[in-house]
Protein backbone atom coordinates (compact mmCIF):
# COMPACT_ATOMS: atom_id res chain seq x y z
CA UNK A 1 2.58 160.73 -130.34
CA UNK A 2 -0.49 162.76 -129.22
CA UNK A 3 -0.34 161.97 -125.07
CA UNK A 4 -2.73 162.91 -121.74
CA UNK A 5 -0.95 162.43 -118.33
CA UNK A 6 -3.84 161.67 -115.63
CA UNK A 7 -2.93 162.32 -111.89
CA UNK A 8 -1.51 164.77 -109.42
CA UNK A 9 0.54 167.84 -111.18
CA UNK A 10 0.26 171.91 -110.38
CA UNK A 11 -1.03 173.08 -107.71
CA UNK A 12 -0.69 169.67 -106.18
CA UNK A 13 2.47 168.93 -104.32
CA UNK A 14 4.59 165.59 -103.42
CA UNK A 15 6.15 162.93 -105.35
CA UNK A 16 3.44 161.92 -107.62
CA UNK A 17 3.45 165.15 -108.77
CA UNK A 18 6.57 165.28 -109.71
CA UNK A 19 7.06 162.08 -111.35
CA UNK A 20 4.35 163.06 -113.84
CA UNK A 21 5.47 166.03 -114.45
CA UNK A 22 9.24 165.34 -115.38
CA UNK A 23 8.05 162.30 -117.22
CA UNK A 24 5.38 165.41 -119.08
CA UNK A 25 8.90 166.63 -119.81
CA UNK A 26 10.85 163.85 -121.07
CA UNK A 27 8.01 163.00 -123.24
CA UNK A 28 7.95 166.10 -124.78
CA UNK A 29 11.59 166.59 -125.34
CA UNK A 30 11.41 163.97 -127.77
CA UNK A 31 8.97 165.72 -130.06
CA UNK A 32 5.34 164.44 -128.66
CA UNK A 33 1.90 167.01 -128.60
CA UNK A 34 1.52 166.44 -124.06
CA UNK A 35 -1.11 167.06 -121.87
CA UNK A 36 -1.62 167.15 -118.30
CA UNK A 37 -4.93 166.61 -116.59
CA UNK A 38 -4.59 166.76 -112.82
CA UNK A 39 -7.66 167.22 -110.25
CA UNK A 40 -9.94 170.47 -109.64
CA UNK A 41 -10.50 168.43 -106.52
CA UNK A 42 -8.55 165.72 -105.00
CA UNK A 43 -8.80 164.51 -101.51
CA UNK A 44 -11.83 166.69 -99.95
CA UNK A 45 -10.16 167.99 -97.23
CA UNK A 46 -11.79 166.07 -94.36
CA UNK A 47 -9.85 163.37 -95.48
CA UNK A 48 -6.54 164.58 -96.27
CA UNK A 49 -4.52 163.70 -93.22
CA UNK A 50 -1.80 166.04 -94.49
CA UNK A 51 -1.48 170.40 -93.10
CA UNK A 52 -1.95 171.15 -96.84
CA UNK A 53 -2.42 169.69 -100.45
CA UNK A 54 -1.14 172.61 -102.46
CA UNK A 55 2.45 174.34 -103.31
CA UNK A 56 2.69 177.88 -103.56
CA UNK A 57 4.95 179.49 -106.58
CA UNK A 58 3.82 179.94 -110.06
CA UNK A 59 2.22 177.11 -111.85
CA UNK A 60 5.95 175.37 -114.42
CA UNK A 61 5.16 177.39 -117.73
CA UNK A 62 7.10 174.73 -120.06
CA UNK A 63 3.94 171.89 -119.07
CA UNK A 64 0.05 172.22 -120.16
CA UNK A 65 -1.75 171.50 -117.11
CA UNK A 66 -5.76 171.49 -116.65
CA UNK A 67 -7.42 171.47 -113.34
CA UNK A 68 -10.06 169.36 -115.05
CA UNK A 69 -10.87 165.61 -112.30
CA UNK A 70 -13.19 165.82 -110.02
CA UNK A 71 -12.38 162.47 -107.62
CA UNK A 72 -15.38 162.83 -106.00
CA UNK A 73 -18.00 163.75 -109.36
CA UNK A 74 -19.38 161.25 -111.02
CA UNK A 75 -20.59 163.89 -113.47
CA UNK A 76 -16.26 164.76 -113.75
CA UNK A 77 -15.29 161.22 -114.28
CA UNK A 78 -18.21 161.89 -117.55
CA UNK A 79 -16.88 164.71 -118.68
CA UNK A 80 -13.39 163.93 -118.47
CA UNK A 81 -13.59 160.80 -120.20
CA UNK A 82 -15.69 162.10 -123.02
CA UNK A 83 -13.76 164.73 -123.76
CA UNK A 84 -10.90 162.05 -124.26
CA UNK A 85 -12.48 159.86 -126.49
CA UNK A 86 -13.14 163.23 -128.65
CA UNK A 87 -9.15 164.93 -128.29
CA UNK A 88 -8.70 161.09 -129.51
CA UNK A 89 -4.86 161.12 -127.00
CA UNK A 90 -2.45 158.02 -128.61
CA UNK A 91 -2.06 157.30 -125.36
CA UNK A 92 -3.44 157.98 -122.28
CA UNK A 93 -1.17 157.77 -118.91
CA UNK A 94 -2.27 156.93 -115.48
CA UNK A 95 -0.30 157.32 -111.97
CA UNK A 96 -2.24 154.44 -109.72
CA UNK A 97 -1.17 154.37 -105.51
CA UNK A 98 -4.57 154.82 -104.42
CA UNK A 99 -7.84 152.43 -104.21
CA UNK A 100 -9.96 155.57 -103.72
CA UNK A 101 -9.21 156.78 -107.03
CA UNK A 102 -10.54 153.28 -109.67
CA UNK A 103 -14.48 154.32 -109.38
CA UNK A 104 -12.86 157.94 -111.73
CA UNK A 105 -9.85 156.48 -112.90
CA UNK A 106 -11.93 153.56 -114.46
CA UNK A 107 -14.61 155.76 -115.35
CA UNK A 108 -12.78 157.94 -116.54
CA UNK A 109 -10.60 155.23 -119.08
CA UNK A 110 -13.54 153.21 -120.54
CA UNK A 111 -14.92 155.80 -121.97
CA UNK A 112 -11.61 157.54 -123.58
CA UNK A 113 -11.06 154.01 -124.95
CA UNK A 114 -14.34 153.43 -126.50
CA UNK A 115 -12.65 155.89 -129.63
CA UNK A 116 -11.02 152.51 -130.66
CA UNK A 117 -7.59 154.71 -130.77
CA UNK A 118 -6.72 155.30 -126.99
CA UNK A 119 -4.58 153.06 -125.12
CA UNK A 120 -3.94 153.19 -121.44
CA UNK A 121 -1.00 152.31 -119.72
CA UNK A 122 -1.04 152.52 -115.89
CA UNK A 123 2.25 153.47 -113.30
CA UNK A 124 1.76 151.97 -110.64
CA UNK A 125 2.62 152.96 -107.13
CA UNK A 126 0.83 151.03 -104.65
CA UNK A 127 -2.59 147.93 -105.73
CA UNK A 128 -3.08 147.01 -102.44
CA UNK A 129 -3.01 150.08 -99.49
CA UNK A 130 -0.65 150.54 -96.79
CA UNK A 131 -3.63 150.85 -94.56
CA UNK A 132 -6.11 148.23 -96.21
CA UNK A 133 -9.99 148.46 -96.29
CA UNK A 134 -12.30 145.81 -97.68
CA UNK A 135 -13.21 147.80 -100.12
CA UNK A 136 -9.72 147.72 -101.75
CA UNK A 137 -10.08 144.84 -103.65
CA UNK A 138 -13.26 145.64 -105.58
CA UNK A 139 -12.22 148.99 -106.52
CA UNK A 140 -8.76 147.58 -107.81
CA UNK A 141 -10.52 145.33 -109.92
CA UNK A 142 -12.94 147.52 -111.90
CA UNK A 143 -10.43 150.35 -112.30
CA UNK A 144 -7.35 147.43 -113.64
CA UNK A 145 -9.98 146.05 -116.29
CA UNK A 146 -10.15 149.23 -117.51
CA UNK A 147 -6.39 148.96 -118.43
CA UNK A 148 -4.27 147.94 -121.79
CA UNK A 149 -0.73 147.59 -119.93
CA UNK A 150 0.93 147.97 -116.78
CA UNK A 151 4.21 149.62 -115.49
CA UNK A 152 4.85 148.17 -111.97
CA UNK A 153 7.89 149.18 -109.56
CA UNK A 154 8.69 146.18 -108.02
CA UNK A 155 8.12 143.21 -107.51
CA UNK A 156 5.75 143.34 -104.48
CA UNK A 157 3.68 145.32 -106.76
CA UNK A 158 3.69 142.71 -109.61
CA UNK A 159 2.24 140.10 -107.80
CA UNK A 160 -0.73 141.81 -106.78
CA UNK A 161 -1.35 142.75 -110.38
CA UNK A 162 -1.11 139.29 -110.84
CA UNK A 163 -3.73 138.43 -109.12
CA UNK A 164 -6.08 140.38 -110.90
CA UNK A 165 -4.72 140.59 -114.33
CA UNK A 166 -2.50 137.85 -114.41
CA UNK A 167 -2.12 138.33 -118.91
CA UNK A 168 -1.91 142.05 -119.01
CA UNK A 169 0.79 143.01 -120.63
CA UNK A 170 2.73 145.06 -117.94
CA UNK A 171 7.10 145.70 -117.51
CA UNK A 172 9.34 146.29 -114.86
CA UNK A 173 10.93 150.28 -114.35
CA UNK A 174 12.56 150.99 -111.01
CA UNK A 175 11.06 154.28 -109.50
CA UNK A 176 13.36 156.87 -111.56
CA UNK A 177 16.32 159.53 -109.65
CA UNK A 178 14.25 162.42 -107.74
CA UNK A 179 17.86 164.81 -109.26
CA UNK A 180 14.43 167.89 -109.61
CA UNK A 181 15.43 169.58 -106.68
CA UNK A 182 18.77 170.96 -107.64
CA UNK A 183 22.70 170.29 -106.58
CA UNK A 184 24.40 169.19 -103.18
CA UNK A 185 25.10 171.92 -100.90
CA UNK A 186 28.12 172.67 -99.04
CA UNK A 187 27.84 170.44 -95.44
CA UNK A 188 28.47 173.50 -93.33
CA UNK A 189 26.43 175.67 -95.55
CA UNK A 190 23.08 173.11 -95.36
CA UNK A 191 23.36 173.10 -91.56
CA UNK A 192 24.21 176.32 -91.13
CA UNK A 193 20.81 177.32 -93.40
CA UNK A 194 18.90 175.13 -91.30
CA UNK A 195 20.09 175.91 -88.03
CA UNK A 196 21.91 173.00 -87.13
CA UNK A 197 25.28 172.58 -85.72
CA UNK A 198 28.06 171.75 -88.64
CA UNK A 199 30.17 169.67 -85.53
CA UNK A 200 27.12 167.10 -85.14
CA UNK A 201 26.11 163.70 -87.23
CA UNK A 202 22.99 163.37 -88.25
CA UNK A 203 20.76 160.58 -89.55
CA UNK A 204 17.29 161.08 -91.21
CA UNK A 205 13.90 160.45 -91.42
CA UNK A 206 12.63 162.48 -94.17
CA UNK A 207 8.97 162.53 -96.12
CA UNK A 208 5.55 162.21 -94.83
CA UNK A 209 4.67 160.63 -91.40
CA UNK A 210 2.57 157.70 -91.25
CA UNK A 211 2.39 154.76 -89.07
CA UNK A 212 3.54 152.05 -91.91
CA UNK A 213 7.38 154.00 -92.18
CA UNK A 214 7.94 153.12 -88.40
CA UNK A 215 9.15 155.98 -87.09
CA UNK A 216 8.03 154.28 -83.55
CA UNK A 217 10.70 151.70 -84.42
CA UNK A 218 13.20 153.82 -85.40
CA UNK A 219 12.89 156.23 -82.11
CA UNK A 220 13.35 152.72 -79.87
CA UNK A 221 16.16 152.10 -82.01
CA UNK A 222 17.94 155.71 -81.18
CA UNK A 223 17.30 155.12 -77.54
CA UNK A 224 19.09 151.91 -77.64
CA UNK A 225 21.84 153.55 -79.08
CA UNK A 226 22.09 156.27 -77.06
CA UNK A 227 21.94 153.47 -73.65
CA UNK A 228 24.74 152.01 -75.15
CA UNK A 229 26.69 155.12 -75.69
CA UNK A 230 27.45 155.40 -79.63
CA UNK A 231 25.04 158.34 -79.65
CA UNK A 232 27.93 161.18 -78.91
CA UNK A 233 28.07 163.75 -81.27
CA UNK A 234 25.39 162.11 -83.34
CA UNK A 235 21.51 163.37 -83.77
CA UNK A 236 17.97 162.21 -85.13
CA UNK A 237 16.52 164.40 -87.67
CA UNK A 238 13.18 163.77 -88.17
CA UNK A 239 11.38 165.94 -91.03
CA UNK A 240 8.44 165.28 -92.06
CA UNK A 241 4.81 166.39 -92.05
CA UNK A 242 2.89 163.97 -90.03
CA UNK A 243 -0.48 162.86 -91.05
CA UNK A 244 -2.28 163.17 -88.24
CA UNK A 245 -1.86 163.38 -84.32
CA UNK A 246 1.81 163.68 -84.16
CA UNK A 247 0.69 163.79 -79.79
CA UNK A 248 2.18 159.28 -80.26
CA UNK A 249 6.01 160.62 -81.93
CA UNK A 250 6.19 163.45 -79.11
CA UNK A 251 5.30 161.25 -75.68
CA UNK A 252 7.30 158.40 -76.86
CA UNK A 253 10.67 161.04 -77.26
CA UNK A 254 9.54 161.72 -73.98
CA UNK A 255 9.71 158.28 -72.36
CA UNK A 256 12.21 157.59 -73.86
CA UNK A 257 14.87 160.44 -72.75
CA UNK A 258 16.01 161.37 -76.40
CA UNK A 259 14.27 164.55 -76.17
CA UNK A 260 17.50 166.74 -76.60
CA UNK A 261 18.86 164.06 -79.63
CA UNK A 262 15.92 164.86 -81.46
CA UNK A 263 15.24 167.57 -84.36
CA UNK A 264 11.60 167.60 -84.97
CA UNK A 265 10.89 169.47 -87.77
CA UNK A 266 7.11 168.57 -87.97
CA UNK A 267 6.69 170.37 -92.01
CA UNK A 268 6.29 169.48 -94.93
CA UNK A 269 9.32 169.91 -96.78
CA UNK A 270 9.23 172.46 -99.93
CA UNK A 271 11.43 171.89 -103.29
CA UNK A 272 13.51 174.53 -102.68
CA UNK A 273 14.62 173.33 -99.22
CA UNK A 274 14.97 169.59 -100.00
CA UNK A 275 18.59 169.65 -100.97
CA UNK A 276 19.25 171.40 -97.95
CA UNK A 277 18.01 168.54 -95.59
CA UNK A 278 19.85 165.66 -97.72
CA UNK A 279 22.83 167.79 -97.47
CA UNK A 280 23.24 168.17 -94.06
CA UNK A 281 22.61 164.64 -93.33
CA UNK A 282 24.62 161.38 -93.44
CA UNK A 283 22.37 159.08 -93.93
CA UNK A 284 18.70 158.59 -94.49
CA UNK A 285 16.76 156.13 -92.40
CA UNK A 286 13.45 154.23 -93.81
CA UNK A 287 12.27 151.64 -91.35
CA UNK A 288 9.43 150.25 -92.93
CA UNK A 289 7.05 148.12 -91.59
CA UNK A 290 5.51 147.63 -95.06
CA UNK A 291 6.37 148.86 -98.41
CA UNK A 292 5.88 148.34 -102.60
CA UNK A 293 9.46 151.42 -103.17
CA UNK A 294 10.01 155.01 -101.79
CA UNK A 295 10.48 158.09 -103.24
CA UNK A 296 12.67 158.80 -100.21
CA UNK A 297 15.65 156.61 -101.66
CA UNK A 298 15.00 158.13 -104.83
CA UNK A 299 16.35 161.48 -103.73
CA UNK A 300 19.23 160.00 -101.61
CA UNK A 301 21.27 158.60 -104.61
CA UNK A 302 20.41 161.77 -106.43
CA UNK A 303 22.48 163.42 -103.69
CA UNK A 304 24.75 161.01 -102.94
CA UNK A 305 23.23 159.78 -99.02
CA UNK A 306 23.39 155.81 -97.62
CA UNK A 307 20.38 154.12 -96.67
CA UNK A 308 19.43 152.75 -92.93
CA UNK A 309 15.78 150.63 -95.07
CA UNK A 310 14.46 147.23 -93.83
CA UNK A 311 13.72 143.99 -95.71
CA UNK A 312 10.26 144.70 -96.48
CA UNK A 313 8.28 145.52 -99.85
CA UNK A 314 10.71 146.30 -102.85
CA UNK A 315 12.53 148.89 -100.95
CA UNK A 316 15.68 145.65 -101.01
CA UNK A 317 15.74 145.93 -104.39
CA UNK A 318 16.22 149.37 -104.40
CA UNK A 319 19.29 149.57 -101.38
CA UNK A 320 21.94 146.94 -102.46
CA UNK A 321 23.22 145.70 -98.90
CA UNK A 322 26.47 147.31 -98.05
CA UNK A 323 27.17 148.91 -101.27
CA UNK A 324 25.17 151.83 -101.06
CA UNK A 325 24.01 151.10 -97.31
CA UNK A 326 22.97 148.91 -94.67
CA UNK A 327 19.53 146.15 -94.98
CA UNK A 328 17.72 145.92 -91.18
CA UNK A 329 15.03 143.91 -90.26
CA UNK A 330 12.07 145.44 -88.95
CA UNK A 331 13.57 145.55 -85.38
CA UNK A 332 14.35 148.26 -82.78
CA UNK A 333 18.15 146.10 -82.79
CA UNK A 334 18.68 145.04 -85.67
CA UNK A 335 17.64 149.24 -87.06
CA UNK A 336 20.13 150.72 -84.27
CA UNK A 337 22.70 147.94 -85.21
CA UNK A 338 22.38 149.23 -89.06
CA UNK A 339 22.76 152.70 -88.15
CA UNK A 340 26.30 152.41 -86.14
CA UNK A 341 27.37 150.20 -88.51
CA UNK A 342 27.07 153.06 -91.67
CA UNK A 343 28.60 155.01 -88.90
CA UNK A 344 32.14 152.54 -88.28
CA UNK A 345 35.19 152.65 -89.89
CA UNK A 346 35.00 154.01 -93.47
CA UNK A 347 31.77 152.38 -95.03
CA UNK A 348 30.31 156.01 -94.65
CA UNK A 349 32.19 157.39 -97.37
CA UNK A 350 32.73 153.73 -99.30
CA UNK A 351 28.88 153.51 -99.11
CA UNK A 352 28.72 157.49 -100.72
CA UNK A 353 30.74 155.80 -103.65
CA UNK A 354 28.61 152.88 -103.48
CA UNK A 355 25.68 155.46 -104.33
CA UNK A 356 26.90 156.96 -107.03
CA UNK A 357 27.65 154.08 -109.49
CA UNK A 358 24.04 152.55 -108.84
CA UNK A 359 22.16 155.55 -109.21
CA UNK A 360 23.19 155.58 -112.45
CA UNK A 361 20.26 152.62 -112.78
CA UNK A 362 17.78 155.17 -111.86
CA UNK A 363 17.68 157.86 -115.39
CA UNK A 364 13.68 159.19 -116.19
CA UNK A 365 14.60 158.39 -119.67
CA UNK A 366 14.94 154.42 -119.25
CA UNK A 367 11.64 155.31 -118.05
CA UNK A 368 9.81 157.08 -120.82
CA UNK A 369 11.73 153.85 -122.61
CA UNK A 370 10.15 151.29 -120.59
CA UNK A 371 6.44 153.18 -121.38
CA UNK A 372 7.17 153.27 -124.87
CA UNK A 373 8.70 149.47 -125.03
CA UNK A 374 4.84 148.91 -123.98
CA UNK A 375 2.42 150.93 -125.97
CA UNK A 376 4.49 148.85 -128.87
CA UNK A 377 3.99 145.76 -126.91
CA UNK A 378 0.42 146.80 -126.58
CA UNK A 379 0.02 147.79 -130.32
CA UNK A 380 1.02 144.26 -131.44
CA UNK A 381 -1.42 142.66 -129.53
């Protein structure tokens, strides 16, 4: 097939770019003609809450990436859509995670499909955003009606999709494993390179810090553990860039009196350092208040790290309770008890073994297979 992927890719950073680039490599390895059209402008600087949208380093030499799509310039949408109509790829695969992309993507897809050949498949992260707005449903309707089929990664997203396109071809494929960050490091070496004490055991919050991810719940949970004498020789790592102002978290840490037990690394973690943090940690805590799925669980699987996650959205579909970690409610008490449970007895090693067994479910090849299955369904209709 001739395939074109549309969405984040080099020079843009983050998990969405990793997914597009990795899937492009899988399809290219199967003998397909693959291109990626990424953004000339993804978010205007004023609308981007982080420090930078970009990564450093050389572009991947094995991928054909062109920066063509401006999310705020309708002339760009028309230009890219008409170009796709002329190029006539068999398949366009888009990554969709926010209604803010709907006007741009919806226009491009409508124009591309006018050649009567090109089919559009969407790899869905979210339909309903974590911070909803009154215009979300209108924008989602415009985009979702421009597509031929969908790959969803959680039942929560599938339910959202059904409210717009109940009869559309759609297949489930779990979030693939983020195994693109290298091999695990020896724990002592990872701690040394990060400036951590290898004699201390670490629980870790990892990734962009946004309100829905529940860092405030985790900090309250750690304060409970400390008050009960269950944090001796243990520390909490908070690793990831805060979207917006970090003042409320710094003030909460000070108010709770846990500053000596919380190590904060308020910066984006480049790909080459991800493995160090996961190799140093005993567990990853995801105390989310809402979720569809999370790429952080898939990095934890890649590095054999047990997890504590809350029972929200699709997270409990990804983490089997008492097999690869512990499920908790969205309360500090429940999260605190779940963290303590991972460190009880032989649970830590038992959960590590569970992670090693379970992660085979999340291959990139399986995701590519599901996309090909979906194309067959679309073409047979």
